[in-house]
């Protein structure tokens, strides 16, 4: 279980977020949603240890993250960053093998087991056929699947993703979200991801965390969150909430400009 207790984070004198409390159980999909600048990426980077809380604590299995060395954190949590394009000259296999770095001694090389894990991870995300190709020959959606495979190769069981479907068309968005959901249901992964699209979030998550102005304003199963008054209070009055007649799921739509 991941447990945040009254976390506050500051950079210099700027308050990033305050008094954050949440619990994430293993084997479920949790999505963090909110407006641009609300603190979603900062919260992801606090969970993975890149940002250290100035107050409060974040625990994993009753261990404070502050007490765990960075290399050991990498054996507990894997992170897929937003728009990962700084490795375009590397082959897909080389990128995925980077996920094995926490287990390889300094100056060492991947062994046969590392390579097997990398190929299995690529197979899980459907990119094993791209193993020898460089990232710059792939589409945006294919690159994202390679980096998800890198996260799987890290062997953590907890996968954090920062806006994994940003700048992708709707077909790739659904493809990526389907992969993440299959990891939860078929491999018992714990997925925590930030998403702008709260409609997709409600379709693919067990637990929805809505953050606004650096604070968690609501958390729980999507049906109890996607309600008209609440959504308008966060995202503005130009939105409405309707029911999908096929599955009775709440859907957020823009109001007509007429």
C-alpha atoms as a PDB file:
ATOM      1  CA  UNK A   1       0.000   0.000   0.000  1.00  0.00           C
ATOM      2  CA  UNK A   2       1.142   3.541  -0.790  1.00  0.00           C
ATOM      3  CA  UNK A   3       0.130   6.027   1.895  1.00  0.00           C
ATOM      4  CA  UNK A   4       0.568   9.808   1.831  1.00  0.00           C
ATOM      5  CA  UNK A   5       0.292  11.570   5.187  1.00  0.00           C
ATOM      6  CA  UNK A   6      -0.184  15.363   5.176  1.00  0.00           C
ATOM      7  CA  UNK A   7       2.399  15.932   2.451  1.00  0.00           C
ATOM      8  CA  UNK A   8       3.390  19.512   1.714  1.00  0.00           C
ATOM      9  CA  UNK A   9       5.995  20.379  -0.921  1.00  0.00           C
ATOM     10  CA  UNK A  10       7.720  23.678  -1.635  1.00  0.00           C
ATOM     11  CA  UNK A  11      10.367  24.777  -4.104  1.00  0.00           C
ATOM     12  CA  UNK A  12      12.195  27.759  -2.675  1.00  0.00           C
ATOM     13  CA  UNK A  13       9.317  29.913  -1.442  1.00  0.00           C
ATOM     14  CA  UNK A  14       6.747  28.544  -3.923  1.00  0.00           C
ATOM     15  CA  UNK A  15       4.129  26.177  -2.546  1.00  0.00           C
ATOM     16  CA  UNK A  16       3.598  23.233  -4.919  1.00  0.00           C
ATOM     17  CA  UNK A  17       0.890  21.467  -2.934  1.00  0.00           C
ATOM     18  CA  UNK A  18      -0.260  21.269   0.653  1.00  0.00           C
ATOM     19  CA  UNK A  19      -1.672  18.738   3.114  1.00  0.00           C
ATOM     20  CA  UNK A  20      -1.949  15.911   0.589  1.00  0.00           C
ATOM     21  CA  UNK A  21      -3.484  12.710   1.951  1.00  0.00           C
ATOM     22  CA  UNK A  22      -4.301   9.596  -0.048  1.00  0.00           C
ATOM     23  CA  UNK A  23      -4.057   5.819  -0.022  1.00  0.00           C
ATOM     24  CA  UNK A  24      -3.421   3.562  -3.020  1.00  0.00           C
ATOM     25  CA  UNK A  25      -4.011  -0.161  -2.624  1.00  0.00           C
ATOM     26  CA  UNK A  26      -2.070  -2.616  -4.740  1.00  0.00           C
ATOM     27  CA  UNK A  27      -3.540  -4.164  -7.871  1.00  0.00           C
ATOM     28  CA  UNK A  28      -5.754  -1.251  -8.926  1.00  0.00           C
ATOM     29  CA  UNK A  29      -5.615   1.640 -11.395  1.00  0.00           C
ATOM     30  CA  UNK A  30      -5.529   5.128  -9.882  1.00  0.00           C
ATOM     31  CA  UNK A  31      -5.734   8.209 -12.073  1.00  0.00           C
ATOM     32  CA  UNK A  32      -4.818  11.754 -10.999  1.00  0.00           C
ATOM     33  CA  UNK A  33      -6.769  14.387 -12.904  1.00  0.00           C
ATOM     34  CA  UNK A  34      -7.063  18.154 -12.845  1.00  0.00           C
ATOM     35  CA  UNK A  35      -6.432  21.308 -14.811  1.00  0.00           C
ATOM     36  CA  UNK A  36      -3.060  22.340 -16.244  1.00  0.00           C
ATOM     37  CA  UNK A  37      -0.799  23.519 -13.455  1.00  0.00           C
ATOM     38  CA  UNK A  38      -2.855  21.881 -10.731  1.00  0.00           C
ATOM     39  CA  UNK A  39       0.083  19.795  -9.460  1.00  0.00           C
ATOM     40  CA  UNK A  40      -0.413  16.417 -11.178  1.00  0.00           C
ATOM     41  CA  UNK A  41       3.182  16.007 -12.396  1.00  0.00           C
ATOM     42  CA  UNK A  42       4.571  17.225  -9.076  1.00  0.00           C
ATOM     43  CA  UNK A  43       2.479  14.636  -7.248  1.00  0.00           C
ATOM     44  CA  UNK A  44       3.747  11.871  -9.571  1.00  0.00           C
ATOM     45  CA  UNK A  45       7.326  13.031  -8.929  1.00  0.00           C
ATOM     46  CA  UNK A  46       6.739  13.055  -5.191  1.00  0.00           C
ATOM     47  CA  UNK A  47       5.478   9.480  -5.228  1.00  0.00           C
ATOM     48  CA  UNK A  48       8.604   8.333  -7.092  1.00  0.00           C
ATOM     49  CA  UNK A  49      10.961  10.251  -4.808  1.00  0.00           C
ATOM     50  CA  UNK A  50      12.162  12.924  -7.256  1.00  0.00           C
ATOM     51  CA  UNK A  51      10.523  15.641  -5.162  1.00  0.00           C
ATOM     52  CA  UNK A  52      11.037  15.420  -1.411  1.00  0.00           C
ATOM     53  CA  UNK A  53       8.191  16.563   0.854  1.00  0.00           C
ATOM     54  CA  UNK A  54       9.012  19.476   3.125  1.00  0.00           C
ATOM     55  CA  UNK A  55       6.349  18.251   5.537  1.00  0.00           C
ATOM     56  CA  UNK A  56       4.574  14.944   6.043  1.00  0.00           C
ATOM     57  CA  UNK A  57       5.577  11.512   4.802  1.00  0.00           C
ATOM     58  CA  UNK A  58       4.972   9.049   1.996  1.00  0.00           C
ATOM     59  CA  UNK A  59       5.126   5.375   2.927  1.00  0.00           C
ATOM     60  CA  UNK A  60       5.368   2.231   0.831  1.00  0.00           C
ATOM     61  CA  UNK A  61       4.560  -0.937   2.768  1.00  0.00           C
ATOM     62  CA  UNK A  62       5.051   0.988   6.042  1.00  0.00           C
ATOM     63  CA  UNK A  63       8.511   2.161   4.950  1.00  0.00           C
ATOM     64  CA  UNK A  64       9.060   5.892   4.641  1.00  0.00           C
ATOM     65  CA  UNK A  65      10.260   6.807   1.149  1.00  0.00           C
ATOM     66  CA  UNK A  66      12.842   9.108   2.767  1.00  0.00           C
ATOM     67  CA  UNK A  67      14.512   6.076   4.369  1.00  0.00           C
ATOM     68  CA  UNK A  68      14.914   4.149   1.093  1.00  0.00           C
ATOM     69  CA  UNK A  69      18.039   4.704  -1.091  1.00  0.00           C
ATOM     70  CA  UNK A  70      17.292   5.954  -4.607  1.00  0.00           C
ATOM     71  CA  UNK A  71      18.491   2.750  -6.276  1.00  0.00           C
ATOM     72  CA  UNK A  72      16.175   0.716  -4.046  1.00  0.00           C
ATOM     73  CA  UNK A  73      13.253   3.053  -4.818  1.00  0.00           C
ATOM     74  CA  UNK A  74      13.847   2.169  -8.475  1.00  0.00           C
ATOM     75  CA  UNK A  75      13.246  -1.477  -7.525  1.00  0.00           C
ATOM     76  CA  UNK A  76       9.882  -0.541  -6.006  1.00  0.00           C
ATOM     77  CA  UNK A  77       8.514   2.087  -8.411  1.00  0.00           C
ATOM     78  CA  UNK A  78       8.959   2.587 -12.158  1.00  0.00           C
ATOM     79  CA  UNK A  79       8.091   5.864 -13.863  1.00  0.00           C
ATOM     80  CA  UNK A  80       7.148   6.581 -17.476  1.00  0.00           C
ATOM     81  CA  UNK A  81       7.807  10.320 -18.045  1.00  0.00           C
ATOM     82  CA  UNK A  82       5.747  12.687 -20.150  1.00  0.00           C
ATOM     83  CA  UNK A  83       6.863  13.002 -23.808  1.00  0.00           C
ATOM     84  CA  UNK A  84      10.006  10.826 -23.493  1.00  0.00           C
ATOM     85  CA  UNK A  85      11.908  11.927 -26.612  1.00  0.00           C
ATOM     86  CA  UNK A  86      15.480  12.302 -25.345  1.00  0.00           C
ATOM     87  CA  UNK A  87      16.572   8.814 -26.486  1.00  0.00           C
ATOM     88  CA  UNK A  88      15.524   8.891 -30.137  1.00  0.00           C
ATOM     89  CA  UNK A  89      18.836   7.486 -31.418  1.00  0.00           C
ATOM     90  CA  UNK A  90      18.676   4.388 -29.217  1.00  0.00           C
ATOM     91  CA  UNK A  91      17.231   1.053 -30.305  1.00  0.00           C
ATOM     92  CA  UNK A  92      14.000  -0.034 -28.637  1.00  0.00           C
ATOM     93  CA  UNK A  93      15.774  -2.972 -26.993  1.00  0.00           C
ATOM     94  CA  UNK A  94      18.463  -0.683 -25.557  1.00  0.00           C
ATOM     95  CA  UNK A  95      15.819   1.652 -24.129  1.00  0.00           C
ATOM     96  CA  UNK A  96      13.868  -1.184 -22.510  1.00  0.00           C
ATOM     97  CA  UNK A  97      17.091  -2.675 -21.098  1.00  0.00           C
ATOM     98  CA  UNK A  98      17.662   0.628 -19.279  1.00  0.00           C
ATOM     99  CA  UNK A  99      14.829  -0.495 -17.039  1.00  0.00           C
ATOM    100  CA  UNK A 100      17.169  -3.193 -15.720  1.00  0.00           C
ATOM    101  CA  UNK A 101      19.771  -0.635 -14.528  1.00  0.00           C
ATOM    102  CA  UNK A 102      18.817  -0.915 -10.818  1.00  0.00           C
ATOM    103  CA  UNK A 103      19.890  -4.572 -10.932  1.00  0.00           C
ATOM    104  CA  UNK A 104      23.127  -4.161 -12.932  1.00  0.00           C
ATOM    105  CA  UNK A 105      26.366  -3.311 -11.061  1.00  0.00           C
ATOM    106  CA  UNK A 106      28.120  -0.071 -11.998  1.00  0.00           C
ATOM    107  CA  UNK A 107      30.226  -0.788 -15.067  1.00  0.00           C
ATOM    108  CA  UNK A 108      28.381  -4.034 -15.690  1.00  0.00           C
ATOM    109  CA  UNK A 109      26.323  -5.202 -18.664  1.00  0.00           C
ATOM    110  CA  UNK A 110      22.887  -6.768 -18.996  1.00  0.00           C
ATOM    111  CA  UNK A 111      22.967 -10.546 -18.760  1.00  0.00           C
ATOM    112  CA  UNK A 112      20.804 -13.113 -20.513  1.00  0.00           C
ATOM    113  CA  UNK A 113      18.095 -12.883 -17.865  1.00  0.00           C
ATOM    114  CA  UNK A 114      17.913  -9.080 -18.297  1.00  0.00           C
ATOM    115  CA  UNK A 115      17.527  -9.493 -22.063  1.00  0.00           C
ATOM    116  CA  UNK A 116      14.793 -12.114 -21.591  1.00  0.00           C
ATOM    117  CA  UNK A 117      12.912  -9.774 -19.240  1.00  0.00           C
ATOM    118  CA  UNK A 118      13.263  -6.923 -21.742  1.00  0.00           C
ATOM    119  CA  UNK A 119      11.822  -9.005 -24.576  1.00  0.00           C
ATOM    120  CA  UNK A 120       8.964 -10.232 -22.404  1.00  0.00           C
ATOM    121  CA  UNK A 121       8.179  -6.639 -21.409  1.00  0.00           C
ATOM    122  CA  UNK A 122       8.163  -5.564 -25.059  1.00  0.00           C
ATOM    123  CA  UNK A 123       5.878  -8.462 -25.887  1.00  0.00           C
ATOM    124  CA  UNK A 124       3.462  -7.309 -23.156  1.00  0.00           C
ATOM    125  CA  UNK A 125       3.133  -3.916 -24.844  1.00  0.00           C
ATOM    126  CA  UNK A 126       3.249  -5.194 -28.424  1.00  0.00           C
ATOM    127  CA  UNK A 127       6.594  -3.686 -29.450  1.00  0.00           C
ATOM    128  CA  UNK A 128       8.838  -6.764 -29.523  1.00  0.00           C
ATOM    129  CA  UNK A 129       8.916  -6.570 -33.331  1.00  0.00           C
ATOM    130  CA  UNK A 130      10.594  -3.146 -33.027  1.00  0.00           C
ATOM    131  CA  UNK A 131      13.492  -4.387 -30.866  1.00  0.00           C
ATOM    132  CA  UNK A 132      16.259  -3.469 -33.335  1.00  0.00           C
ATOM    133  CA  UNK A 133      14.672  -0.265 -34.634  1.00  0.00           C
ATOM    134  CA  UNK A 134      15.596   3.145 -33.245  1.00  0.00           C
ATOM    135  CA  UNK A 135      12.966   5.246 -31.550  1.00  0.00           C
ATOM    136  CA  UNK A 136      13.090   7.918 -34.245  1.00  0.00           C
ATOM    137  CA  UNK A 137      11.591   5.460 -36.736  1.00  0.00           C
ATOM    138  CA  UNK A 138       8.470   4.891 -34.617  1.00  0.00           C
ATOM    139  CA  UNK A 139       5.207   6.777 -34.186  1.00  0.00           C
ATOM    140  CA  UNK A 140       4.344   8.614 -30.975  1.00  0.00           C
ATOM    141  CA  UNK A 141       2.069   5.825 -29.769  1.00  0.00           C
ATOM    142  CA  UNK A 142       4.714   3.182 -30.493  1.00  0.00           C
ATOM    143  CA  UNK A 143       7.338   5.188 -28.588  1.00  0.00           C
ATOM    144  CA  UNK A 144       5.010   5.422 -25.607  1.00  0.00           C
ATOM    145  CA  UNK A 145       4.541   1.632 -25.634  1.00  0.00           C
ATOM    146  CA  UNK A 146       8.347   1.184 -25.671  1.00  0.00           C
ATOM    147  CA  UNK A 147       8.689   3.333 -22.548  1.00  0.00           C
ATOM    148  CA  UNK A 148       5.896   1.443 -20.829  1.00  0.00           C
ATOM    149  CA  UNK A 149       7.862  -1.728 -21.638  1.00  0.00           C
ATOM    150  CA  UNK A 150      10.931  -0.100 -20.059  1.00  0.00           C
ATOM    151  CA  UNK A 151       8.870   0.478 -16.925  1.00  0.00           C
ATOM    152  CA  UNK A 152       7.725  -3.156 -16.911  1.00  0.00           C
ATOM    153  CA  UNK A 153      11.306  -4.357 -17.314  1.00  0.00           C
ATOM    154  CA  UNK A 154      12.135  -2.574 -14.078  1.00  0.00           C
ATOM    155  CA  UNK A 155      10.233  -5.348 -12.306  1.00  0.00           C
ATOM    156  CA  UNK A 156       8.571  -3.198  -9.674  1.00  0.00           C
ATOM    157  CA  UNK A 157       4.859  -3.972  -9.765  1.00  0.00           C
ATOM    158  CA  UNK A 158       4.135  -0.236  -9.331  1.00  0.00           C
ATOM    159  CA  UNK A 159       4.053   1.859 -12.495  1.00  0.00           C
ATOM    160  CA  UNK A 160       3.711   5.660 -12.495  1.00  0.00           C
ATOM    161  CA  UNK A 161       2.897   7.439 -15.758  1.00  0.00           C
ATOM    162  CA  UNK A 162       2.769  11.180 -16.376  1.00  0.00           C
ATOM    163  CA  UNK A 163       0.212  12.002 -19.104  1.00  0.00           C
ATOM    164  CA  UNK A 164       0.948   8.838 -21.111  1.00  0.00           C
ATOM    165  CA  UNK A 165      -1.575   9.673 -23.858  1.00  0.00           C
ATOM    166  CA  UNK A 166      -0.724  13.351 -24.346  1.00  0.00           C
ATOM    167  CA  UNK A 167      -0.463  14.341 -28.040  1.00  0.00           C
ATOM    168  CA  UNK A 168      -1.749  10.952 -29.236  1.00  0.00           C
ATOM    169  CA  UNK A 169      -4.801  10.457 -31.429  1.00  0.00           C
ATOM    170  CA  UNK A 170      -7.853   8.770 -29.931  1.00  0.00           C
ATOM    171  CA  UNK A 171      -6.991   5.312 -31.333  1.00  0.00           C
ATOM    172  CA  UNK A 172      -3.559   5.369 -29.681  1.00  0.00           C
ATOM    173  CA  UNK A 173      -5.051   6.779 -26.486  1.00  0.00           C
ATOM    174  CA  UNK A 174      -7.415   3.823 -26.224  1.00  0.00           C
ATOM    175  CA  UNK A 175      -4.620   1.400 -27.133  1.00  0.00           C
ATOM    176  CA  UNK A 176      -2.337   2.719 -24.377  1.00  0.00           C
ATOM    177  CA  UNK A 177      -5.114   2.742 -21.774  1.00  0.00           C
ATOM    178  CA  UNK A 178      -6.125  -0.810 -22.739  1.00  0.00           C
ATOM    179  CA  UNK A 179      -2.529  -1.945 -22.174  1.00  0.00           C
ATOM    180  CA  UNK A 180      -2.445  -0.313 -18.737  1.00  0.00           C
ATOM    181  CA  UNK A 181      -5.758  -1.868 -17.734  1.00  0.00           C
ATOM    182  CA  UNK A 182      -4.569  -5.306 -18.866  1.00  0.00           C
ATOM    183  CA  UNK A 183      -1.476  -4.924 -16.662  1.00  0.00           C
ATOM    184  CA  UNK A 184      -3.759  -4.356 -13.682  1.00  0.00           C
ATOM    185  CA  UNK A 185      -6.173  -7.197 -14.438  1.00  0.00           C
ATOM    186  CA  UNK A 186      -3.759  -9.794 -15.831  1.00  0.00           C
ATOM    187  CA  UNK A 187      -0.468  -9.087 -14.027  1.00  0.00           C
ATOM    188  CA  UNK A 188      -1.735  -7.416 -10.827  1.00  0.00           C
ATOM    189  CA  UNK A 189       0.187  -4.203 -11.465  1.00  0.00           C
ATOM    190  CA  UNK A 190      -0.523  -1.078  -9.483  1.00  0.00           C
ATOM    191  CA  UNK A 191      -0.958   1.787 -11.955  1.00  0.00           C
ATOM    192  CA  UNK A 192      -0.900   5.461 -10.996  1.00  0.00           C
ATOM    193  CA  UNK A 193      -1.176   7.868 -13.901  1.00  0.00           C
ATOM    194  CA  UNK A 194      -2.015  11.491 -14.494  1.00  0.00           C
ATOM    195  CA  UNK A 195      -4.553  12.317 -17.215  1.00  0.00           C
ATOM    196  CA  UNK A 196      -6.208  15.470 -18.494  1.00  0.00           C
ATOM    197  CA  UNK A 197      -9.100  13.562 -20.048  1.00  0.00           C
ATOM    198  CA  UNK A 198     -11.415  12.874 -17.143  1.00  0.00           C
ATOM    199  CA  UNK A 199     -13.820  10.940 -19.391  1.00  0.00           C
ATOM    200  CA  UNK A 200     -11.116   8.412 -20.227  1.00  0.00           C
ATOM    201  CA  UNK A 201     -10.015   8.481 -16.605  1.00  0.00           C
ATOM    202  CA  UNK A 202     -13.476   7.456 -15.452  1.00  0.00           C
ATOM    203  CA  UNK A 203     -13.545   4.585 -17.931  1.00  0.00           C
ATOM    204  CA  UNK A 204     -10.173   3.119 -17.013  1.00  0.00           C
ATOM    205  CA  UNK A 205      -9.628   3.654 -13.296  1.00  0.00           C
ATOM    206  CA  UNK A 206     -10.786   2.144 -10.023  1.00  0.00           C
ATOM    207  CA  UNK A 207      -9.844   5.229  -8.031  1.00  0.00           C
ATOM    208  CA  UNK A 208      -9.908   8.833  -9.248  1.00  0.00           C
ATOM    209  CA  UNK A 209      -7.974  11.612  -7.520  1.00  0.00           C
ATOM    210  CA  UNK A 210      -8.907  15.165  -8.525  1.00  0.00           C
ATOM    211  CA  UNK A 211      -6.327  17.807  -7.696  1.00  0.00           C
ATOM    212  CA  UNK A 212      -6.828  21.568  -7.925  1.00  0.00           C
ATOM    213  CA  UNK A 213      -4.510  24.413  -6.959  1.00  0.00           C
ATOM    214  CA  UNK A 214      -2.115  22.035  -5.235  1.00  0.00           C
ATOM    215  CA  UNK A 215      -4.695  20.236  -3.118  1.00  0.00           C
ATOM    216  CA  UNK A 216      -6.678  17.022  -3.453  1.00  0.00           C
ATOM    217  CA  UNK A 217     -10.305  18.101  -3.616  1.00  0.00           C
ATOM    218  CA  UNK A 218     -11.968  14.721  -4.143  1.00  0.00           C
ATOM    219  CA  UNK A 219     -11.003  11.064  -4.373  1.00  0.00           C
ATOM    220  CA  UNK A 220     -12.853   7.802  -4.840  1.00  0.00           C
ATOM    221  CA  UNK A 221     -14.577   5.697  -7.523  1.00  0.00           C
ATOM    222  CA  UNK A 222     -15.442   7.755 -10.645  1.00  0.00           C
ATOM    223  CA  UNK A 223     -19.275   7.547 -10.360  1.00  0.00           C
ATOM    224  CA  UNK A 224     -19.189   9.493  -7.100  1.00  0.00           C
ATOM    225  CA  UNK A 225     -16.941  12.211  -8.535  1.00  0.00           C
ATOM    226  CA  UNK A 226     -18.231  12.954 -12.029  1.00  0.00           C
ATOM    227  CA  UNK A 227     -21.196  15.029 -10.916  1.00  0.00           C
ATOM    228  CA  UNK A 228     -22.224  18.268 -12.594  1.00  0.00           C
ATOM    229  CA  UNK A 229     -21.792  20.694  -9.694  1.00  0.00           C
ATOM    230  CA  UNK A 230     -18.376  19.351  -8.735  1.00  0.00           C
ATOM    231  CA  UNK A 231     -17.042  19.177 -12.289  1.00  0.00           C
ATOM    232  CA  UNK A 232     -18.159  22.751 -12.986  1.00  0.00           C
ATOM    233  CA  UNK A 233     -16.510  23.954  -9.769  1.00  0.00           C
ATOM    234  CA  UNK A 234     -13.163  22.589 -10.996  1.00  0.00           C
ATOM    235  CA  UNK A 235     -13.267  22.899 -14.778  1.00  0.00           C
ATOM    236  CA  UNK A 236     -15.766  25.723 -15.343  1.00  0.00           C
ATOM    237  CA  UNK A 237     -19.438  26.306 -16.140  1.00  0.00           C
ATOM    238  CA  UNK A 238     -19.075  25.580 -19.869  1.00  0.00           C
ATOM    239  CA  UNK A 239     -19.304  21.868 -19.113  1.00  0.00           C
ATOM    240  CA  UNK A 240     -22.217  19.552 -18.540  1.00  0.00           C
ATOM    241  CA  UNK A 241     -22.552  15.960 -17.307  1.00  0.00           C
ATOM    242  CA  UNK A 242     -24.829  13.485 -19.040  1.00  0.00           C
ATOM    243  CA  UNK A 243     -25.490   9.750 -18.743  1.00  0.00           C
ATOM    244  CA  UNK A 244     -24.415   7.295 -21.419  1.00  0.00           C
ATOM    245  CA  UNK A 245     -27.614   5.307 -22.102  1.00  0.00           C
ATOM    246  CA  UNK A 246     -25.604   2.170 -22.963  1.00  0.00           C
ATOM    247  CA  UNK A 247     -23.799   1.750 -19.636  1.00  0.00           C
ATOM    248  CA  UNK A 248     -25.232   4.566 -17.455  1.00  0.00           C
ATOM    249  CA  UNK A 249     -21.725   6.035 -17.091  1.00  0.00           C
ATOM    250  CA  UNK A 250     -21.395   9.778 -16.537  1.00  0.00           C
ATOM    251  CA  UNK A 251     -19.817  11.690 -19.428  1.00  0.00           C
ATOM    252  CA  UNK A 252     -18.551  15.266 -19.403  1.00  0.00           C
ATOM    253  CA  UNK A 253     -19.425  17.287 -22.501  1.00  0.00           C
ATOM    254  CA  UNK A 254     -18.938  20.957 -23.455  1.00  0.00           C
ATOM    255  CA  UNK A 255     -22.038  23.092 -23.468  1.00  0.00           C
ATOM    256  CA  UNK A 256     -23.171  24.519 -26.782  1.00  0.00           C
ATOM    257  CA  UNK A 257     -21.861  27.994 -27.556  1.00  0.00           C
ATOM    258  CA  UNK A 258     -25.239  28.977 -29.045  1.00  0.00           C
END
